[in-house]
Protein backbone atom coordinates (compact mmCIF):
# COMPACT_ATOMS: atom_id res chain seq x y z
CA UNK A 1 -43.60 -50.08 44.19
CA UNK A 2 -39.92 -49.43 43.21
CA UNK A 3 -37.55 -50.41 45.97
CA UNK A 4 -35.29 -47.57 47.23
CA UNK A 5 -33.60 -48.47 50.53
CA UNK A 6 -33.85 -45.64 52.98
CA UNK A 7 -30.31 -45.97 54.58
CA UNK A 8 -28.39 -47.54 51.70
CA UNK A 9 -27.61 -47.00 47.98
CA UNK A 10 -28.61 -50.22 46.00
CA UNK A 11 -26.92 -51.34 42.89
CA UNK A 12 -25.88 -54.64 41.23
CA UNK A 13 -28.38 -57.38 42.46
CA UNK A 14 -29.22 -61.00 42.06
CA UNK A 15 -32.37 -63.09 43.01
CA UNK A 16 -33.53 -66.51 44.38
CA UNK A 17 -37.09 -67.25 43.35
CA UNK A 18 -39.77 -69.32 45.10
CA UNK A 19 -39.10 -72.09 42.63
CA UNK A 20 -35.49 -72.23 43.74
CA UNK A 21 -36.02 -71.94 47.41
CA UNK A 22 -39.41 -72.83 48.74
CA UNK A 23 -40.85 -71.88 52.08
CA UNK A 24 -44.22 -71.28 53.64
CA UNK A 25 -44.26 -67.65 52.47
CA UNK A 26 -43.17 -68.29 48.84
CA UNK A 27 -40.92 -65.32 48.76
CA UNK A 28 -38.45 -63.89 46.22
CA UNK A 29 -35.17 -63.14 47.91
CA UNK A 30 -33.16 -60.23 46.69
CA UNK A 31 -29.40 -59.88 47.30
CA UNK A 32 -27.76 -56.59 46.25
CA UNK A 33 -24.68 -54.44 46.76
CA UNK A 34 -25.28 -51.63 49.25
CA UNK A 35 -23.41 -48.75 50.76
CA UNK A 36 -24.54 -46.09 53.24
CA UNK A 37 -26.45 -43.11 51.85
CA UNK A 38 -24.37 -40.99 54.24
CA UNK A 39 -21.53 -41.03 51.77
CA UNK A 40 -20.64 -37.55 50.33
CA UNK A 41 -19.82 -39.01 46.98
CA UNK A 42 -21.88 -42.09 45.85
CA UNK A 43 -18.88 -43.20 43.74
CA UNK A 44 -17.23 -44.07 47.07
CA UNK A 45 -19.71 -46.92 47.40
CA UNK A 46 -17.59 -49.32 45.51
CA UNK A 47 -14.86 -49.28 48.32
CA UNK A 48 -17.45 -49.81 51.15
CA UNK A 49 -19.95 -52.10 49.68
CA UNK A 50 -21.69 -55.10 51.50
CA UNK A 51 -24.43 -57.51 50.45
CA UNK A 52 -27.97 -56.62 51.47
CA UNK A 53 -30.88 -58.78 51.54
CA UNK A 54 -34.71 -58.20 51.12
CA UNK A 55 -37.73 -60.36 50.47
CA UNK A 56 -40.94 -59.85 48.39
CA UNK A 57 -44.06 -61.82 47.53
CA UNK A 58 -44.48 -60.23 44.09
CA UNK A 59 -41.27 -58.60 42.92
CA UNK A 60 -42.81 -55.03 43.69
CA UNK A 61 -43.19 -54.75 47.52
CA UNK A 62 -39.88 -55.40 49.32
CA UNK A 63 -39.08 -56.05 53.04
CA UNK A 64 -35.49 -55.25 53.97
CA UNK A 65 -33.69 -57.99 55.94
CA UNK A 66 -30.48 -56.35 56.86
CA UNK A 67 -27.00 -57.27 55.70
CA UNK A 68 -26.24 -60.76 54.38
CA UNK A 69 -22.46 -60.55 53.93
CA UNK A 70 -19.72 -58.02 54.62
CA UNK A 71 -15.92 -57.78 54.27
CA UNK A 72 -13.91 -60.55 55.91
CA UNK A 73 -11.73 -60.33 58.95
CA UNK A 74 -8.53 -58.12 58.70
CA UNK A 75 -5.78 -59.88 56.73
CA UNK A 76 -8.01 -62.18 54.82
CA UNK A 77 -8.42 -62.28 51.14
CA UNK A 78 -11.87 -60.40 51.19
CA UNK A 79 -11.03 -57.95 53.95
CA UNK A 80 -11.61 -54.86 51.78
CA UNK A 81 -14.91 -55.07 50.02
CA UNK A 82 -17.62 -57.47 48.77
CA UNK A 83 -18.83 -57.18 45.20
CA UNK A 84 -21.34 -58.74 42.88
CA UNK A 85 -22.18 -62.54 43.00
CA UNK A 86 -25.14 -65.04 42.58
CA UNK A 87 -26.92 -67.81 44.64
CA UNK A 88 -27.58 -71.26 43.43
CA UNK A 89 -29.39 -73.92 45.55
CA UNK A 90 -28.20 -77.47 46.04
CA UNK A 91 -29.45 -80.15 48.47
CA UNK A 92 -31.35 -77.55 50.57
CA UNK A 93 -28.22 -75.50 50.87
CA UNK A 94 -27.68 -72.02 49.23
CA UNK A 95 -24.19 -71.39 47.69
CA UNK A 96 -23.47 -67.62 47.35
CA UNK A 97 -20.56 -66.88 45.05
CA UNK A 98 -19.22 -63.44 45.36
CA UNK A 99 -16.35 -61.21 44.27
CA UNK A 100 -13.96 -59.73 46.70
CA UNK A 101 -10.69 -57.81 47.14
CA UNK A 102 -8.21 -57.23 49.93
CA UNK A 103 -6.47 -54.41 51.71
CA UNK A 104 -3.05 -55.77 51.03
CA UNK A 105 -3.50 -55.34 47.37
CA UNK A 106 -5.30 -51.94 47.59
CA UNK A 107 -8.51 -53.48 46.33
CA UNK A 108 -6.99 -54.00 42.82
CA UNK A 109 -6.98 -57.88 42.53
CA UNK A 110 -10.35 -59.45 42.17
CA UNK A 111 -11.14 -63.05 43.15
CA UNK A 112 -14.27 -65.30 43.61
CA UNK A 113 -15.33 -66.84 46.91
CA UNK A 114 -18.16 -68.78 48.31
CA UNK A 115 -20.42 -68.47 51.43
CA UNK A 116 -23.06 -71.17 52.23
CA UNK A 117 -26.41 -70.94 54.23
CA UNK A 118 -29.27 -73.13 55.15
CA UNK A 119 -31.76 -70.44 55.59
CA UNK A 120 -30.62 -67.46 53.16
CA UNK A 121 -30.08 -65.41 56.23
CA UNK A 122 -27.00 -66.78 57.95
CA UNK A 123 -23.87 -67.23 55.82
CA UNK A 124 -20.71 -69.09 56.49
CA UNK A 125 -17.59 -68.58 54.39
CA UNK A 126 -16.01 -71.72 52.79
CA UNK A 127 -12.76 -72.57 54.39
CA UNK A 128 -11.21 -73.12 50.91
CA UNK A 129 -11.67 -69.41 49.82
CA UNK A 130 -10.84 -68.07 47.46
CA UNK A 131 -12.17 -70.67 44.93
CA UNK A 132 -11.26 -68.95 41.61
CA UNK A 133 -8.43 -66.72 40.64
CA UNK A 134 -7.64 -65.58 37.10
CA UNK A 135 -6.21 -68.08 34.61
CA UNK A 136 -3.70 -66.35 32.55
CA UNK A 137 -3.83 -69.12 29.76
CA UNK A 138 -6.78 -67.04 28.35
CA UNK A 139 -7.33 -64.12 30.60
CA UNK A 140 -5.54 -61.08 31.38
CA UNK A 141 -3.21 -61.23 34.42
CA UNK A 142 -4.08 -59.18 37.53
CA UNK A 143 -1.60 -57.16 39.56
CA UNK A 144 -1.72 -54.70 42.44
CA UNK A 145 0.49 -52.49 40.29
CA UNK A 146 -2.06 -52.25 37.45
CA UNK A 147 -4.60 -49.58 38.05
CA UNK A 148 -7.03 -49.89 35.05
CA UNK A 149 -9.61 -52.41 33.69
CA UNK A 150 -8.76 -55.41 35.82
CA UNK A 151 -11.76 -57.64 35.65
CA UNK A 152 -12.48 -61.12 37.21
CA UNK A 153 -15.83 -60.72 39.02
CA UNK A 154 -19.56 -61.06 38.99
CA UNK A 155 -19.97 -64.84 38.98
CA UNK A 156 -23.29 -66.26 37.89
CA UNK A 157 -23.71 -70.02 38.27
CA UNK A 158 -26.09 -72.35 36.42
CA UNK A 159 -26.73 -76.14 36.52
CA UNK A 160 -26.56 -78.13 33.35
CA UNK A 161 -28.67 -81.15 34.52
CA UNK A 162 -27.88 -83.30 31.44
CA UNK A 163 -24.17 -82.97 32.17
CA UNK A 164 -24.63 -82.99 36.02
CA UNK A 165 -22.24 -79.96 35.78
CA UNK A 166 -22.24 -76.39 37.14
CA UNK A 167 -21.18 -73.60 34.97
CA UNK A 168 -19.98 -70.20 36.16
CA UNK A 169 -19.98 -67.25 33.86
CA UNK A 170 -18.00 -64.14 35.00
CA UNK A 171 -16.79 -60.81 33.86
CA UNK A 172 -13.23 -61.16 32.46
CA UNK A 173 -10.80 -59.87 29.98
CA UNK A 174 -8.76 -61.76 27.48
CA UNK A 175 -4.85 -61.40 27.65
CA UNK A 176 -4.22 -60.22 24.08
CA UNK A 177 -5.77 -57.80 21.60
CA UNK A 178 -6.36 -54.03 21.68
CA UNK A 179 -6.66 -52.94 25.36
CA UNK A 180 -9.98 -51.22 24.99
CA UNK A 181 -11.53 -54.26 23.43
CA UNK A 182 -10.58 -57.22 25.71
CA UNK A 183 -13.79 -57.59 27.61
CA UNK A 184 -15.40 -61.09 27.59
CA UNK A 185 -17.49 -63.35 29.52
CA UNK A 186 -15.33 -66.01 31.03
CA UNK A 187 -16.37 -69.51 31.91
CA UNK A 188 -15.58 -72.22 34.44
CA UNK A 189 -17.04 -75.54 35.47
CA UNK A 190 -17.42 -77.79 38.47
CA UNK A 191 -19.23 -80.93 39.35
CA UNK A 192 -19.59 -80.12 43.18
CA UNK A 193 -19.52 -76.29 43.37
CA UNK A 194 -16.21 -76.20 45.20
CA UNK A 195 -13.57 -77.34 42.68
CA UNK A 196 -13.51 -75.19 39.42
CA UNK A 197 -11.86 -75.72 36.15
CA UNK A 198 -11.29 -72.44 34.22
CA UNK A 199 -12.29 -72.58 30.50
CA UNK A 200 -11.96 -70.22 27.57
CA UNK A 201 -14.36 -67.35 27.18
CA UNK A 202 -17.82 -67.84 25.71
CA UNK A 203 -17.66 -64.94 23.12
CA UNK A 204 -15.03 -63.39 20.96
CA UNK A 205 -13.44 -60.21 22.40
CA UNK A 206 -13.23 -56.90 20.57
CA UNK A 207 -16.33 -54.89 21.23
CA UNK A 208 -16.16 -53.89 24.87
CA UNK A 209 -13.50 -52.89 27.42
CA UNK A 210 -15.46 -54.81 30.07
CA UNK A 211 -18.67 -56.70 30.10
CA UNK A 212 -20.21 -56.87 33.53
CA UNK A 213 -22.67 -58.77 35.72
CA UNK A 214 -23.52 -61.62 33.24
CA UNK A 215 -26.72 -63.73 33.45
CA UNK A 216 -27.71 -66.76 31.19
CA UNK A 217 -31.31 -67.53 30.65
CA UNK A 218 -33.00 -70.05 28.20
CA UNK A 219 -35.89 -68.58 26.20
CA UNK A 220 -37.65 -69.96 23.16
CA UNK A 221 -35.01 -72.51 22.25
CA UNK A 222 -32.11 -70.06 22.60
CA UNK A 223 -29.70 -69.17 25.42
CA UNK A 224 -29.49 -65.30 26.11
CA UNK A 225 -26.43 -63.98 27.80
CA UNK A 226 -27.25 -60.74 29.51
CA UNK A 227 -24.48 -58.28 30.48
CA UNK A 228 -23.97 -54.67 31.10
CA UNK A 229 -21.22 -52.17 30.00
CA UNK A 230 -20.55 -48.54 29.61
CA UNK A 231 -17.19 -48.97 27.96
CA UNK A 232 -17.12 -49.56 24.34
CA UNK A 233 -14.05 -50.38 22.16
CA UNK A 234 -13.02 -47.73 19.69
CA UNK A 235 -13.17 -50.24 16.87
CA UNK A 236 -16.77 -50.97 17.71
CA UNK A 237 -17.76 -47.35 17.89
CA UNK A 238 -16.14 -46.74 14.51
CA UNK A 239 -17.79 -49.79 13.02
CA UNK A 240 -21.23 -48.95 14.09
CA UNK A 241 -21.11 -45.25 14.02
CA UNK A 242 -22.45 -45.13 17.44
CA UNK A 243 -21.64 -42.58 20.12
CA UNK A 244 -21.94 -45.39 22.76
CA UNK A 245 -24.44 -46.14 25.36
CA UNK A 246 -24.52 -47.48 29.12
CA UNK A 247 -26.86 -50.23 30.05
CA UNK A 248 -27.79 -53.86 29.47
CA UNK A 249 -27.22 -55.79 26.29
CA UNK A 250 -27.29 -59.49 25.33
CA UNK A 251 -25.72 -62.22 23.05
CA UNK A 252 -27.23 -65.40 22.03
CA UNK A 253 -26.28 -69.10 21.52
CA UNK A 254 -27.78 -72.42 20.77
CA UNK A 255 -26.01 -74.22 23.59
CA UNK A 256 -25.42 -73.19 27.25
CA UNK A 257 -21.72 -72.76 26.86
CA UNK A 258 -21.74 -70.89 23.65
CA UNK A 259 -20.29 -69.53 21.44
CA UNK A 260 -22.39 -66.43 22.10
CA UNK A 261 -22.73 -64.01 19.33
CA UNK A 262 -24.74 -60.74 18.93
CA UNK A 263 -28.31 -60.96 17.61
CA UNK A 264 -28.51 -57.25 17.13
CA UNK A 265 -26.28 -54.15 17.73
CA UNK A 266 -29.09 -52.47 19.50
CA UNK A 267 -28.90 -52.72 23.41
CA UNK A 268 -31.61 -54.06 25.43
CA UNK A 269 -32.12 -51.18 27.90
CA UNK A 270 -29.53 -48.54 27.61
CA UNK A 271 -29.09 -44.73 27.15
CA UNK A 272 -26.20 -42.18 27.13
CA UNK A 273 -26.12 -41.83 30.92
CA UNK A 274 -26.87 -45.41 32.10
CA UNK A 275 -30.20 -44.57 33.85
CA UNK A 276 -30.78 -48.38 34.17
CA UNK A 277 -27.96 -50.73 34.71
CA UNK A 278 -27.11 -54.38 35.28
CA UNK A 279 -30.60 -55.68 34.22
CA UNK A 280 -31.68 -59.19 35.15
CA UNK A 281 -34.48 -61.53 33.80
CA UNK A 282 -36.67 -63.29 36.47
CA UNK A 283 -39.74 -65.43 36.20
CA UNK A 284 -42.96 -64.10 37.92
CA UNK A 285 -45.40 -66.34 39.74
CA UNK A 286 -47.07 -67.19 36.42
CA UNK A 287 -43.70 -68.29 34.88
CA UNK A 288 -43.37 -65.34 32.58
CA UNK A 289 -39.99 -63.59 32.24
CA UNK A 290 -39.74 -60.04 33.68
CA UNK A 291 -37.00 -57.61 33.36
CA UNK A 292 -35.59 -55.57 36.33
CA UNK A 293 -32.69 -53.28 36.77
CA UNK A 294 -31.22 -50.83 39.18
CA UNK A 295 -31.52 -47.09 38.57
CA UNK A 296 -28.47 -44.81 38.70
CA UNK A 297 -30.00 -41.42 38.18
CA UNK A 298 -33.26 -39.74 39.09
CA UNK A 299 -35.01 -37.17 36.85
CA UNK A 300 -32.83 -34.33 38.31
CA UNK A 301 -29.53 -36.26 37.47
CA UNK A 302 -28.86 -37.30 41.15
CA UNK A 303 -27.70 -40.82 42.03
CA UNK A 304 -30.66 -42.83 42.86
CA UNK A 305 -29.59 -46.29 43.86
CA UNK A 306 -32.91 -48.15 43.73
CA UNK A 307 -34.49 -51.13 42.22
CA UNK A 308 -36.95 -51.08 39.38
CA UNK A 309 -40.37 -52.76 39.10
CA UNK A 310 -40.53 -55.70 36.84
CA UNK A 311 -41.29 -55.03 33.22
CA UNK A 312 -42.73 -57.31 30.55
CA UNK A 313 -40.34 -59.08 28.31
CA UNK A 314 -41.29 -59.45 24.63
CA UNK A 315 -39.53 -62.00 22.47
CA UNK A 316 -39.95 -60.76 18.84
CA UNK A 317 -40.25 -63.24 16.02
CA UNK A 318 -36.54 -62.83 15.07
CA UNK A 319 -35.53 -63.63 18.73
CA UNK A 320 -34.78 -60.13 19.68
CA UNK A 321 -35.90 -58.97 23.04
CA UNK A 322 -38.01 -55.90 23.70
CA UNK A 323 -38.64 -54.17 27.14
CA UNK A 324 -41.16 -51.46 27.81
CA UNK A 325 -39.13 -49.27 29.99
CA UNK A 326 -42.10 -47.13 31.05
CA UNK A 327 -43.10 -50.05 33.37
CA UNK A 328 -39.68 -50.04 35.24
CA UNK A 329 -40.35 -46.84 37.33
CA UNK A 330 -43.89 -46.19 38.37
CA UNK A 331 -43.14 -43.92 41.35
CA UNK A 332 -46.30 -42.00 40.90
CA UNK A 333 -48.20 -45.09 41.98
CA UNK A 334 -46.42 -45.34 45.31
């Protein structure tokens, strides 16, 4: 049932569905950050991560397919580590947008690059990489001398058919305001997936230090922008009277590019320790939305690094989403 790779920790992930990529087996393709379980400290995974690949016919039973992408050659812009991304399909090619850092900057500056595949297995880096760097008109400048809260990562790309335009949502920080409340979801657009114009953020800053791993999904006439965080602005904690939480939340909008605003102050799936993190919505074979997340901690408090089962998504009459978290981790059925 739940997918816990034997040799690797698993964390942030993204999916390609059979609707997006059709082959004879009609498989879901899972891409995820991975690092060896031999690490003494699982926190070291962030400096050693590569992208793993697995496939499934039903979002429950997974067959590992090895490593899809790893750090680039020495001296390149992505020679230190590969981080979260997404895949979009165009003209029978898969475009994998990913975050990376380099050794020369001690891994402190984040950029977005691209790899392309004709089979979801073999990937070639685009010669024009990196494709996106931070735009300081709206977003906080990055520097190899700044050690905290730099954010320009986790690209999630969608296609707006009516505009014939691709939009990229990514974790970012604005360049003004209280330091602990600058987290936003940034935006860029392109007509060819190669040349990108950076745009202002899709939400107003102030609530979070960072908003990670965005995903945008259309449901019941609204656009839902999922994100995850564990870092709340002090102003938000004071306003809500909350002690904070770690997990997945969402904003809503009436159009794809926003503005996105809160529908509720209650998170979607979260708790004090962040048991489940970086959740995503994915359609099952019947077209119904399901929620999946990766699990950080097991019942004993040890780092787990596994992928949950899919859970039902309920859209309440007022538009709020509800997830039955009991469906996420049915290890007793394995």
